[in-house]
Amino acid sequence: MTEQRIGPERQVTLHFAIKLESGDVVDSTFDKRPATFKVGDGNLLPGFEQALYGLKAGDKRSIAIEPEHGFGQPNPQNVQVMPRSQFEGMELSEGLMVIFNDAAKAELPGVVKQFDAEQVTIDFNHPLAGKRLTFDVEIVDVQPA
């Protein structure tokens, strides 16, 4: 029987860690249960998924992911200035994450970039947008999907 390699129509179980260039770990499964996903199901960003193609159970890799293949570049249109009155009674600080509801009532996280008595600048870009990441991965199992 040939070993299953990662590609279309495969279910993959793996451990992963996503690290910033500083070495700080953003997310990891190494200290908990491994993650399982089906190739192409949208659980992994395409850039991360493509980097796994051809790997098999037991393989370990450390893969550099450029912003274009990760969370993209920050979009200036995702930075919005709002009146301070919308934050009545809130203790604001730079870097504070605030959850907003969009028109469809979906939750939309934004980060306070700056504020004064009149207005608040909120960044709705993904916190990892524009960041070069390292994707450490250990493949646990590969099965036909």
N, C-alpha and C. Protein backbone atom coordinates (compact mmCIF):
# COMPACT_ATOMS: atom_id res chain seq x y z
N MET A 1 0.85 -1.19 0.00
CA MET A 1 0.00 0.00 0.00
C MET A 1 0.89 1.25 0.00
N THR A 2 0.60 2.17 -0.89
CA THR A 2 1.42 3.39 -0.96
C THR A 2 0.97 4.37 0.11
N GLU A 3 1.94 5.16 0.55
CA GLU A 3 1.61 6.16 1.57
C GLU A 3 0.77 7.27 0.96
N GLN A 4 -0.19 7.72 1.73
CA GLN A 4 -1.03 8.83 1.28
C GLN A 4 -0.23 10.13 1.41
N ARG A 5 -0.23 10.91 0.35
CA ARG A 5 0.40 12.23 0.39
C ARG A 5 -0.68 13.30 0.33
N ILE A 6 -0.39 14.46 0.91
CA ILE A 6 -1.37 15.53 0.95
C ILE A 6 -1.59 16.10 -0.44
N GLY A 7 -2.87 16.21 -0.79
CA GLY A 7 -3.29 16.76 -2.07
C GLY A 7 -4.81 16.80 -2.08
N PRO A 8 -5.41 17.06 -3.25
CA PRO A 8 -6.87 17.09 -3.33
C PRO A 8 -7.49 15.78 -2.85
N GLU A 9 -8.69 15.87 -2.31
CA GLU A 9 -9.43 14.68 -1.85
C GLU A 9 -8.71 13.95 -0.72
N ARG A 10 -8.04 14.68 0.14
CA ARG A 10 -7.39 14.06 1.29
C ARG A 10 -7.88 14.71 2.58
N GLN A 11 -7.96 13.91 3.61
CA GLN A 11 -8.23 14.41 4.95
C GLN A 11 -6.91 14.36 5.72
N VAL A 12 -6.55 15.46 6.32
CA VAL A 12 -5.24 15.59 6.95
C VAL A 12 -5.40 15.88 8.44
N THR A 13 -4.64 15.16 9.26
CA THR A 13 -4.55 15.45 10.69
C THR A 13 -3.13 15.91 10.95
N LEU A 14 -3.00 17.06 11.60
CA LEU A 14 -1.68 17.62 11.81
C LEU A 14 -1.61 18.46 13.07
N HIS A 15 -0.39 18.66 13.52
CA HIS A 15 -0.11 19.65 14.54
C HIS A 15 0.51 20.83 13.82
N PHE A 16 0.18 22.04 14.29
CA PHE A 16 0.78 23.20 13.67
C PHE A 16 1.03 24.29 14.69
N ALA A 17 1.96 25.16 14.35
CA ALA A 17 2.19 26.38 15.12
C ALA A 17 2.41 27.49 14.10
N ILE A 18 1.79 28.63 14.34
CA ILE A 18 2.00 29.81 13.50
C ILE A 18 2.80 30.80 14.33
N LYS A 19 3.95 31.21 13.79
CA LYS A 19 4.83 32.11 14.53
C LYS A 19 5.09 33.39 13.75
N LEU A 20 5.26 34.48 14.49
CA LEU A 20 5.68 35.74 13.90
C LEU A 20 7.19 35.70 13.69
N GLU A 21 7.73 36.67 12.95
CA GLU A 21 9.17 36.71 12.73
C GLU A 21 9.93 36.84 14.04
N SER A 22 9.29 37.43 15.05
CA SER A 22 9.92 37.58 16.37
C SER A 22 10.07 36.24 17.08
N GLY A 23 9.36 35.20 16.56
CA GLY A 23 9.37 33.90 17.22
C GLY A 23 8.17 33.71 18.13
N ASP A 24 7.39 34.78 18.34
CA ASP A 24 6.18 34.65 19.17
C ASP A 24 5.18 33.73 18.48
N VAL A 25 4.58 32.82 19.25
CA VAL A 25 3.61 31.88 18.71
C VAL A 25 2.22 32.52 18.77
N VAL A 26 1.57 32.59 17.60
CA VAL A 26 0.23 33.17 17.49
C VAL A 26 -0.83 32.12 17.78
N ASP A 27 -0.60 30.90 17.28
CA ASP A 27 -1.57 29.82 17.44
C ASP A 27 -0.80 28.51 17.35
N SER A 28 -1.23 27.51 18.12
CA SER A 28 -0.54 26.22 18.08
C SER A 28 -1.46 25.12 18.57
N THR A 29 -1.28 23.93 18.00
CA THR A 29 -2.01 22.75 18.49
C THR A 29 -1.05 21.77 19.16
N PHE A 30 0.25 22.09 19.21
CA PHE A 30 1.22 21.12 19.73
C PHE A 30 0.94 20.74 21.19
N ASP A 31 0.27 21.64 21.94
CA ASP A 31 -0.02 21.34 23.34
C ASP A 31 -1.45 20.85 23.54
N LYS A 32 -2.16 20.58 22.44
CA LYS A 32 -3.52 20.04 22.55
C LYS A 32 -3.76 19.02 21.45
N ARG A 33 -5.03 18.75 21.15
CA ARG A 33 -5.33 17.76 20.12
C ARG A 33 -4.95 18.29 18.75
N PRO A 34 -4.49 17.41 17.86
CA PRO A 34 -4.15 17.87 16.51
C PRO A 34 -5.41 18.34 15.77
N ALA A 35 -5.20 19.11 14.73
CA ALA A 35 -6.30 19.61 13.91
C ALA A 35 -6.51 18.66 12.73
N THR A 36 -7.76 18.49 12.33
CA THR A 36 -8.08 17.67 11.16
C THR A 36 -8.89 18.52 10.19
N PHE A 37 -8.54 18.45 8.93
CA PHE A 37 -9.29 19.19 7.92
C PHE A 37 -9.24 18.41 6.61
N LYS A 38 -10.17 18.76 5.73
CA LYS A 38 -10.19 18.17 4.39
C LYS A 38 -9.57 19.21 3.45
N VAL A 39 -8.65 18.78 2.60
CA VAL A 39 -8.01 19.70 1.66
C VAL A 39 -9.09 20.40 0.84
N GLY A 40 -9.02 21.72 0.81
CA GLY A 40 -9.98 22.50 0.02
C GLY A 40 -11.23 22.91 0.77
N ASP A 41 -11.36 22.56 2.06
CA ASP A 41 -12.59 22.89 2.79
C ASP A 41 -12.61 24.33 3.32
N GLY A 42 -11.51 25.06 3.12
CA GLY A 42 -11.49 26.45 3.54
C GLY A 42 -11.02 26.66 4.97
N ASN A 43 -10.73 25.58 5.70
CA ASN A 43 -10.25 25.74 7.07
C ASN A 43 -8.84 26.31 7.12
N LEU A 44 -8.04 26.01 6.10
CA LEU A 44 -6.68 26.55 6.02
C LEU A 44 -6.64 27.56 4.89
N LEU A 45 -5.89 28.63 5.10
CA LEU A 45 -5.69 29.57 4.01
C LEU A 45 -5.00 28.85 2.85
N PRO A 46 -5.34 29.21 1.61
CA PRO A 46 -4.75 28.51 0.45
C PRO A 46 -3.22 28.47 0.48
N GLY A 47 -2.59 29.54 0.91
CA GLY A 47 -1.12 29.56 0.95
C GLY A 47 -0.54 28.53 1.91
N PHE A 48 -1.23 28.32 3.04
CA PHE A 48 -0.79 27.32 4.02
C PHE A 48 -1.04 25.93 3.44
N GLU A 49 -2.23 25.77 2.83
CA GLU A 49 -2.60 24.46 2.31
C GLU A 49 -1.66 24.02 1.19
N GLN A 50 -1.37 24.93 0.24
CA GLN A 50 -0.48 24.60 -0.88
C GLN A 50 0.88 24.15 -0.38
N ALA A 51 1.35 24.76 0.71
CA ALA A 51 2.68 24.44 1.24
C ALA A 51 2.76 23.01 1.77
N LEU A 52 1.59 22.40 2.03
CA LEU A 52 1.56 21.04 2.59
C LEU A 52 1.53 19.95 1.51
N TYR A 53 1.23 20.32 0.27
CA TYR A 53 1.08 19.33 -0.80
C TYR A 53 2.32 18.45 -0.89
N GLY A 54 2.09 17.15 -0.97
CA GLY A 54 3.19 16.20 -1.14
C GLY A 54 3.73 15.65 0.17
N LEU A 55 3.34 16.26 1.31
CA LEU A 55 3.82 15.75 2.60
C LEU A 55 3.03 14.49 2.97
N LYS A 56 3.61 13.67 3.86
CA LYS A 56 2.96 12.45 4.31
C LYS A 56 3.07 12.35 5.83
N ALA A 57 2.36 11.38 6.41
CA ALA A 57 2.39 11.19 7.87
C ALA A 57 3.83 11.07 8.35
N GLY A 58 4.15 11.77 9.43
CA GLY A 58 5.49 11.73 10.00
C GLY A 58 6.37 12.88 9.55
N ASP A 59 5.98 13.55 8.44
CA ASP A 59 6.79 14.67 7.96
C ASP A 59 6.66 15.87 8.89
N LYS A 60 7.79 16.57 9.06
CA LYS A 60 7.82 17.81 9.84
C LYS A 60 8.45 18.88 8.96
N ARG A 61 7.84 20.05 8.94
CA ARG A 61 8.38 21.15 8.13
C ARG A 61 8.21 22.47 8.88
N SER A 62 9.06 23.40 8.52
CA SER A 62 8.93 24.77 8.98
C SER A 62 8.89 25.61 7.71
N ILE A 63 7.74 26.21 7.43
CA ILE A 63 7.49 26.84 6.14
C ILE A 63 7.30 28.34 6.33
N ALA A 64 8.04 29.14 5.57
CA ALA A 64 7.87 30.60 5.61
C ALA A 64 6.66 30.94 4.74
N ILE A 65 5.75 31.74 5.28
CA ILE A 65 4.55 32.16 4.55
C ILE A 65 4.60 33.68 4.39
N GLU A 66 4.69 34.14 3.15
CA GLU A 66 4.69 35.58 2.89
C GLU A 66 3.27 36.12 3.08
N PRO A 67 3.13 37.42 3.38
CA PRO A 67 1.79 37.98 3.62
C PRO A 67 0.80 37.68 2.51
N GLU A 68 1.26 37.69 1.25
CA GLU A 68 0.35 37.45 0.12
C GLU A 68 -0.27 36.06 0.17
N HIS A 69 0.41 35.11 0.79
CA HIS A 69 -0.11 33.74 0.89
C HIS A 69 -0.69 33.46 2.27
N GLY A 70 -0.61 34.45 3.15
CA GLY A 70 -1.15 34.30 4.50
C GLY A 70 -2.41 35.14 4.64
N PHE A 71 -2.31 36.21 5.40
CA PHE A 71 -3.48 37.02 5.69
C PHE A 71 -3.54 38.29 4.84
N GLY A 72 -2.71 38.35 3.78
CA GLY A 72 -2.76 39.47 2.86
C GLY A 72 -2.08 40.71 3.41
N GLN A 73 -2.07 41.75 2.59
CA GLN A 73 -1.52 43.03 3.01
C GLN A 73 -2.65 43.86 3.63
N PRO A 74 -2.30 44.73 4.58
CA PRO A 74 -3.35 45.58 5.16
C PRO A 74 -3.98 46.45 4.07
N ASN A 75 -5.29 46.61 4.14
CA ASN A 75 -6.02 47.44 3.20
C ASN A 75 -6.35 48.76 3.89
N PRO A 76 -5.85 49.88 3.36
CA PRO A 76 -6.12 51.18 4.01
C PRO A 76 -7.62 51.46 4.16
N GLN A 77 -8.43 50.89 3.29
CA GLN A 77 -9.89 51.12 3.38
C GLN A 77 -10.50 50.41 4.59
N ASN A 78 -9.75 49.51 5.20
CA ASN A 78 -10.24 48.82 6.39
C ASN A 78 -9.95 49.59 7.67
N VAL A 79 -9.35 50.77 7.54
CA VAL A 79 -9.10 51.63 8.70
C VAL A 79 -10.14 52.74 8.66
N GLN A 80 -10.94 52.83 9.73
CA GLN A 80 -12.04 53.78 9.74
C GLN A 80 -11.98 54.69 10.95
N VAL A 81 -12.39 55.94 10.73
CA VAL A 81 -12.46 56.92 11.82
C VAL A 81 -13.92 57.05 12.22
N MET A 82 -14.19 56.92 13.52
CA MET A 82 -15.55 56.99 14.05
C MET A 82 -15.63 58.07 15.11
N PRO A 83 -16.84 58.63 15.30
CA PRO A 83 -16.98 59.63 16.36
C PRO A 83 -16.78 59.00 17.74
N ARG A 84 -16.13 59.72 18.61
CA ARG A 84 -15.86 59.23 19.97
C ARG A 84 -17.16 58.89 20.69
N SER A 85 -18.25 59.59 20.34
CA SER A 85 -19.54 59.36 21.00
C SER A 85 -20.04 57.92 20.86
N GLN A 86 -19.57 57.21 19.84
CA GLN A 86 -19.98 55.80 19.66
C GLN A 86 -19.34 54.89 20.71
N PHE A 87 -18.39 55.43 21.46
CA PHE A 87 -17.66 54.62 22.44
C PHE A 87 -17.94 55.13 23.85
N GLU A 88 -19.12 55.70 24.03
CA GLU A 88 -19.54 56.28 25.31
C GLU A 88 -19.33 55.28 26.45
N GLY A 89 -18.66 55.72 27.49
CA GLY A 89 -18.49 54.89 28.69
C GLY A 89 -17.44 53.80 28.53
N MET A 90 -16.75 53.75 27.40
CA MET A 90 -15.72 52.72 27.22
C MET A 90 -14.36 53.29 27.57
N GLU A 91 -13.57 52.48 28.24
CA GLU A 91 -12.18 52.85 28.52
C GLU A 91 -11.36 52.43 27.31
N LEU A 92 -10.94 53.41 26.52
CA LEU A 92 -10.20 53.08 25.29
C LEU A 92 -8.70 53.06 25.54
N SER A 93 -8.03 52.19 24.81
CA SER A 93 -6.56 52.18 24.83
C SER A 93 -6.10 51.70 23.47
N GLU A 94 -4.91 52.16 23.04
CA GLU A 94 -4.39 51.71 21.75
C GLU A 94 -4.14 50.21 21.82
N GLY A 95 -4.57 49.50 20.76
CA GLY A 95 -4.40 48.06 20.72
C GLY A 95 -5.61 47.30 21.26
N LEU A 96 -6.57 48.03 21.86
CA LEU A 96 -7.78 47.38 22.38
C LEU A 96 -8.59 46.81 21.23
N MET A 97 -9.04 45.56 21.36
CA MET A 97 -9.92 44.98 20.35
C MET A 97 -11.36 45.25 20.73
N VAL A 98 -12.11 45.75 19.78
CA VAL A 98 -13.52 46.05 19.99
C VAL A 98 -14.32 45.24 18.96
N ILE A 99 -15.39 44.60 19.41
CA ILE A 99 -16.22 43.82 18.50
C ILE A 99 -17.41 44.66 18.05
N PHE A 100 -17.57 44.81 16.75
CA PHE A 100 -18.69 45.54 16.17
C PHE A 100 -19.60 44.54 15.49
N ASN A 101 -20.85 44.92 15.26
CA ASN A 101 -21.74 44.10 14.45
C ASN A 101 -21.95 44.82 13.13
N ASP A 102 -21.76 44.07 12.02
CA ASP A 102 -22.00 44.69 10.72
C ASP A 102 -23.50 44.65 10.41
N ALA A 103 -23.88 45.10 9.22
CA ALA A 103 -25.30 45.21 8.86
C ALA A 103 -26.01 43.86 8.97
N ALA A 104 -25.27 42.77 8.72
CA ALA A 104 -25.87 41.43 8.78
C ALA A 104 -25.78 40.85 10.20
N LYS A 105 -25.39 41.67 11.17
CA LYS A 105 -25.25 41.29 12.58
C LYS A 105 -24.09 40.30 12.80
N ALA A 106 -23.21 40.20 11.83
CA ALA A 106 -22.03 39.36 12.02
C ALA A 106 -21.02 40.14 12.85
N GLU A 107 -20.26 39.43 13.69
CA GLU A 107 -19.27 40.11 14.52
C GLU A 107 -18.05 40.48 13.69
N LEU A 108 -17.58 41.69 13.89
CA LEU A 108 -16.44 42.20 13.14
C LEU A 108 -15.47 42.82 14.13
N PRO A 109 -14.32 42.16 14.38
CA PRO A 109 -13.37 42.73 15.33
C PRO A 109 -12.56 43.86 14.70
N GLY A 110 -12.32 44.89 15.49
CA GLY A 110 -11.48 46.00 15.07
C GLY A 110 -10.55 46.36 16.21
N VAL A 111 -9.40 46.95 15.86
CA VAL A 111 -8.41 47.31 16.88
C VAL A 111 -8.28 48.84 16.91
N VAL A 112 -8.33 49.40 18.13
CA VAL A 112 -8.16 50.84 18.30
C VAL A 112 -6.72 51.20 17.95
N LYS A 113 -6.54 52.05 16.94
CA LYS A 113 -5.21 52.48 16.53
C LYS A 113 -4.83 53.78 17.25
N GLN A 114 -5.78 54.71 17.30
CA GLN A 114 -5.55 55.95 18.04
C GLN A 114 -6.90 56.59 18.34
N PHE A 115 -6.90 57.51 19.29
CA PHE A 115 -8.15 58.18 19.66
C PHE A 115 -7.83 59.49 20.36
N ASP A 116 -8.82 60.39 20.32
CA ASP A 116 -8.74 61.62 21.09
C ASP A 116 -10.16 61.93 21.56
N ALA A 117 -10.41 63.14 22.01
CA ALA A 117 -11.73 63.49 22.56
C ALA A 117 -12.82 63.49 21.49
N GLU A 118 -12.41 63.64 20.22
CA GLU A 118 -13.39 63.77 19.13
C GLU A 118 -13.64 62.48 18.37
N GLN A 119 -12.57 61.74 18.10
CA GLN A 119 -12.74 60.59 17.22
C GLN A 119 -11.83 59.43 17.60
N VAL A 120 -12.18 58.26 17.03
CA VAL A 120 -11.46 57.02 17.30
C VAL A 120 -11.12 56.39 15.95
N THR A 121 -9.86 56.00 15.76
CA THR A 121 -9.45 55.31 14.53
C THR A 121 -9.40 53.82 14.82
N ILE A 122 -10.19 53.06 14.04
CA ILE A 122 -10.30 51.61 14.22
C ILE A 122 -9.75 50.91 12.98
N ASP A 123 -8.90 49.89 13.19
CA ASP A 123 -8.33 49.11 12.10
C ASP A 123 -9.05 47.76 12.05
N PHE A 124 -9.75 47.52 10.93
CA PHE A 124 -10.48 46.26 10.75
C PHE A 124 -9.67 45.23 9.97
N ASN A 125 -8.41 45.54 9.64
CA ASN A 125 -7.57 44.55 8.97
C ASN A 125 -7.31 43.39 9.92
N HIS A 126 -7.09 42.19 9.36
CA HIS A 126 -6.72 41.04 10.20
C HIS A 126 -5.43 41.40 10.93
N PRO A 127 -5.32 41.07 12.23
CA PRO A 127 -4.11 41.42 12.99
C PRO A 127 -2.82 40.86 12.37
N LEU A 128 -2.92 39.81 11.57
CA LEU A 128 -1.73 39.22 10.95
C LEU A 128 -1.52 39.69 9.51
N ALA A 129 -2.37 40.62 9.04
CA ALA A 129 -2.18 41.16 7.69
C ALA A 129 -0.82 41.84 7.61
N GLY A 130 -0.12 41.60 6.50
CA GLY A 130 1.17 42.23 6.28
C GLY A 130 2.33 41.58 7.00
N LYS A 131 2.05 40.53 7.76
CA LYS A 131 3.10 39.87 8.55
C LYS A 131 3.63 38.64 7.81
N ARG A 132 4.96 38.47 7.88
CA ARG A 132 5.60 37.25 7.37
C ARG A 132 5.53 36.23 8.52
N LEU A 133 5.01 35.06 8.23
CA LEU A 133 4.77 34.06 9.26
C LEU A 133 5.60 32.81 9.01
N THR A 134 5.84 32.06 10.07
CA THR A 134 6.44 30.73 9.95
C THR A 134 5.37 29.73 10.37
N PHE A 135 5.17 28.73 9.54
CA PHE A 135 4.16 27.71 9.75
C PHE A 135 4.91 26.42 10.04
N ASP A 136 5.00 26.06 11.34
CA ASP A 136 5.63 24.80 11.73
C ASP A 136 4.55 23.73 11.70
N VAL A 137 4.84 22.63 11.05
CA VAL A 137 3.81 21.61 10.90
C VAL A 137 4.40 20.21 11.08
N GLU A 138 3.61 19.36 11.70
CA GLU A 138 3.95 17.94 11.83
C GLU A 138 2.71 17.16 11.39
N ILE A 139 2.87 16.40 10.32
CA ILE A 139 1.74 15.65 9.76
C ILE A 139 1.55 14.37 10.60
N VAL A 140 0.33 14.20 11.14
CA VAL A 140 0.01 13.03 11.96
C VAL A 140 -0.56 11.92 11.08
N ASP A 141 -1.49 12.28 10.17
CA ASP A 141 -2.17 11.25 9.39
C ASP A 141 -2.71 11.87 8.10
N VAL A 142 -2.72 11.08 7.03
CA VAL A 142 -3.32 11.49 5.76
C VAL A 142 -4.19 10.34 5.28
N GLN A 143 -5.48 10.63 5.01
CA GLN A 143 -6.44 9.62 4.58
C GLN A 143 -7.17 10.12 3.33
N PRO A 144 -7.72 9.19 2.54
CA PRO A 144 -8.61 9.66 1.48
C PRO A 144 -9.82 10.37 2.12
N ALA A 145 -10.27 11.45 1.53
CA ALA A 145 -11.39 12.20 2.13
C ALA A 145 -12.72 11.53 1.80
